[in-house]
Amino acid sequence: MIEICPRMRSARKSRSKNRKCYCTLLAALLTLTFFAGCDVERRKTDAELGLNPQQIEGRKLFDNYCDRCHRAYSTKGKKGPGLKGIFQHQYLSLSGLPANDDRVSDIIRNGRTDMPGYGQVLTSQNVNDLLAYLHTL
């Protein structure tokens, strides 16, 4: 068997340590990159958003029925479209229907292709509260 001189043995150990450091650094950078791409931000309180009592009730309804498929403060959707600025446009993004209270109420009550209708679950007041909240987005 060939004996490796002490200098070579030391150089191999040094390279091995360097590889471990590079791997750790790469893992840290990848983790940082992953979380930097995340669009998660702290949820603002009702007071920070300046919501009135009706809008607060609408936000609770949104959290219970809509949040699983829609993002309130983003144009990026989950299963359904993001709702930020829903009433800031003339037409709704997916259906092309007018972006007004009547059309959005109809969608909430009757549903759409992939969205269940909530007409049997929500009262007229609930729908009005939800609309009041959606107008704040």
Protein backbone atom coordinates (compact mmCIF):
# COMPACT_ATOMS: atom_id res chain seq x y z
CA MET A 1 0.00 0.00 0.00
CA ILE A 2 1.22 3.47 -0.84
CA GLU A 3 1.71 5.84 2.07
CA ILE A 4 0.39 9.38 1.55
CA CYS A 5 2.64 12.10 2.77
CA PRO A 6 1.30 14.25 5.66
CA ARG A 7 0.92 17.32 3.40
CA MET A 8 -1.38 15.48 1.01
CA ARG A 9 -3.43 14.06 3.89
CA SER A 10 -3.82 17.57 5.29
CA ALA A 11 -4.86 18.94 1.87
CA ARG A 12 -7.54 16.24 1.53
CA LYS A 13 -8.97 17.07 4.96
CA SER A 14 -9.00 20.76 4.06
CA ARG A 15 -10.87 20.09 0.79
CA SER A 16 -13.38 17.94 2.66
CA LYS A 17 -14.03 20.75 5.17
CA ASN A 18 -14.37 23.25 2.31
CA ARG A 19 -16.96 21.03 0.60
CA LYS A 20 -18.99 20.83 3.80
CA CYS A 21 -18.86 24.62 4.16
CA TYR A 22 -19.92 25.11 0.53
CA CYS A 23 -22.79 22.65 0.92
CA THR A 24 -23.98 24.36 4.09
CA LEU A 25 -23.74 27.76 2.42
CA LEU A 26 -25.62 26.49 -0.65
CA ALA A 27 -28.38 25.01 1.52
CA ALA A 28 -28.70 28.30 3.41
CA LEU A 29 -28.90 30.27 0.15
CA LEU A 30 -31.53 27.95 -1.30
CA THR A 31 -33.61 28.23 1.87
CA LEU A 32 -33.33 32.01 1.80
CA THR A 33 -34.29 32.09 -1.86
CA PHE A 34 -37.31 29.89 -1.17
CA PHE A 35 -38.60 32.12 1.60
CA ALA A 36 -37.81 35.33 -0.29
CA GLY A 37 -40.13 34.16 -3.08
CA CYS A 38 -42.94 33.59 -0.59
CA ASP A 39 -45.64 36.26 -0.67
CA VAL A 40 -46.71 35.68 2.91
CA GLU A 41 -47.10 38.77 4.99
CA ARG A 42 -48.49 39.52 8.42
CA ARG A 43 -52.27 39.69 8.52
CA LYS A 44 -53.43 43.20 9.33
CA THR A 45 -56.01 43.74 12.03
CA ASP A 46 -59.46 45.13 11.33
CA ALA A 47 -58.40 48.41 12.96
CA GLU A 48 -55.25 48.66 10.81
CA LEU A 49 -57.44 48.21 7.74
CA GLY A 50 -59.91 50.81 9.03
CA LEU A 51 -62.89 48.46 8.70
CA ASN A 52 -66.32 49.47 9.96
CA PRO A 53 -68.57 46.92 11.80
CA GLN A 54 -70.28 45.75 8.59
CA GLN A 55 -66.93 45.22 6.84
CA ILE A 56 -65.60 43.36 9.89
CA GLU A 57 -68.55 40.96 9.67
CA GLY A 58 -67.88 40.59 5.94
CA ARG A 59 -64.24 39.79 6.65
CA LYS A 60 -65.30 37.04 9.08
CA LEU A 61 -67.58 35.60 6.41
CA PHE A 62 -64.76 35.81 3.87
CA ASP A 63 -62.46 33.94 6.26
CA ASN A 64 -65.09 31.22 6.80
CA TYR A 65 -66.30 30.70 3.24
CA CYS A 66 -64.00 32.32 0.68
CA ASP A 67 -60.43 32.24 2.01
CA ARG A 68 -59.85 28.59 1.16
CA CYS A 69 -60.05 29.42 -2.57
CA HIS A 70 -59.43 33.18 -2.86
CA ARG A 71 -56.75 35.55 -1.63
CA ALA A 72 -58.15 38.84 -0.39
CA TYR A 73 -55.11 41.08 -0.70
CA SER A 74 -53.51 39.62 -3.80
CA THR A 75 -54.34 39.33 -7.47
CA LYS A 76 -52.83 35.84 -7.37
CA GLY A 77 -55.45 33.25 -6.73
CA LYS A 78 -55.53 29.94 -4.96
CA LYS A 79 -58.17 27.70 -6.53
CA GLY A 80 -60.19 30.78 -7.54
CA PRO A 81 -58.93 34.23 -8.57
CA GLY A 82 -57.31 36.69 -6.19
CA LEU A 83 -59.79 39.39 -5.21
CA LYS A 84 -57.60 42.41 -4.59
CA GLY A 85 -59.15 45.33 -6.43
CA ILE A 86 -62.15 43.28 -7.58
CA PHE A 87 -64.33 46.39 -7.85
CA GLN A 88 -61.55 48.56 -9.30
CA HIS A 89 -62.05 47.06 -12.75
CA GLN A 90 -65.00 47.35 -15.09
CA TYR A 91 -65.27 43.58 -15.57
CA LEU A 92 -64.55 40.49 -13.47
CA SER A 93 -61.34 38.76 -14.52
CA LEU A 94 -62.61 35.23 -15.24
CA SER A 95 -66.23 35.63 -16.25
CA GLY A 96 -66.08 39.01 -17.99
CA LEU A 97 -69.26 40.00 -16.16
CA PRO A 98 -69.55 43.58 -14.92
CA ALA A 99 -67.72 44.12 -11.63
CA ASN A 100 -70.66 45.42 -9.62
CA ASP A 101 -72.61 44.41 -6.52
CA ASP A 102 -75.41 42.71 -8.47
CA ARG A 103 -73.12 40.40 -10.46
CA VAL A 104 -70.84 39.55 -7.53
CA SER A 105 -73.91 38.87 -5.33
CA ASP A 106 -75.25 36.51 -8.00
CA ILE A 107 -71.92 34.66 -8.07
CA ILE A 108 -71.83 34.39 -4.27
CA ARG A 109 -75.42 33.09 -4.13
CA ASN A 110 -75.41 30.82 -7.20
CA GLY A 111 -71.75 29.91 -7.59
CA ARG A 112 -69.81 29.38 -10.81
CA THR A 113 -68.31 26.40 -12.58
CA ASP A 114 -65.83 25.48 -9.84
CA MET A 115 -67.35 27.59 -7.06
CA PRO A 116 -70.21 26.43 -4.87
CA GLY A 117 -73.17 28.72 -4.37
CA TYR A 118 -73.86 30.01 -0.88
CA GLY A 119 -77.47 31.13 -1.40
CA GLN A 120 -78.74 28.46 1.00
CA VAL A 121 -76.08 29.28 3.61
CA LEU A 122 -75.75 33.07 3.64
CA THR A 123 -78.55 35.51 4.37
CA SER A 124 -79.06 38.69 2.34
CA GLN A 125 -77.43 40.62 5.19
CA ASN A 126 -74.45 38.23 5.10
CA VAL A 127 -74.03 38.84 1.37
CA ASN A 128 -74.24 42.61 1.91
CA ASP A 129 -71.62 42.39 4.67
CA LEU A 130 -69.37 40.33 2.42
CA LEU A 131 -69.78 42.84 -0.42
CA ALA A 132 -68.93 45.68 1.96
CA TYR A 133 -65.68 43.89 2.83
CA LEU A 134 -64.86 43.08 -0.80
CA HIS A 135 -65.13 46.79 -1.60
CA THR A 136 -62.20 47.41 0.78
CA LEU A 137 -59.85 45.13 -1.16
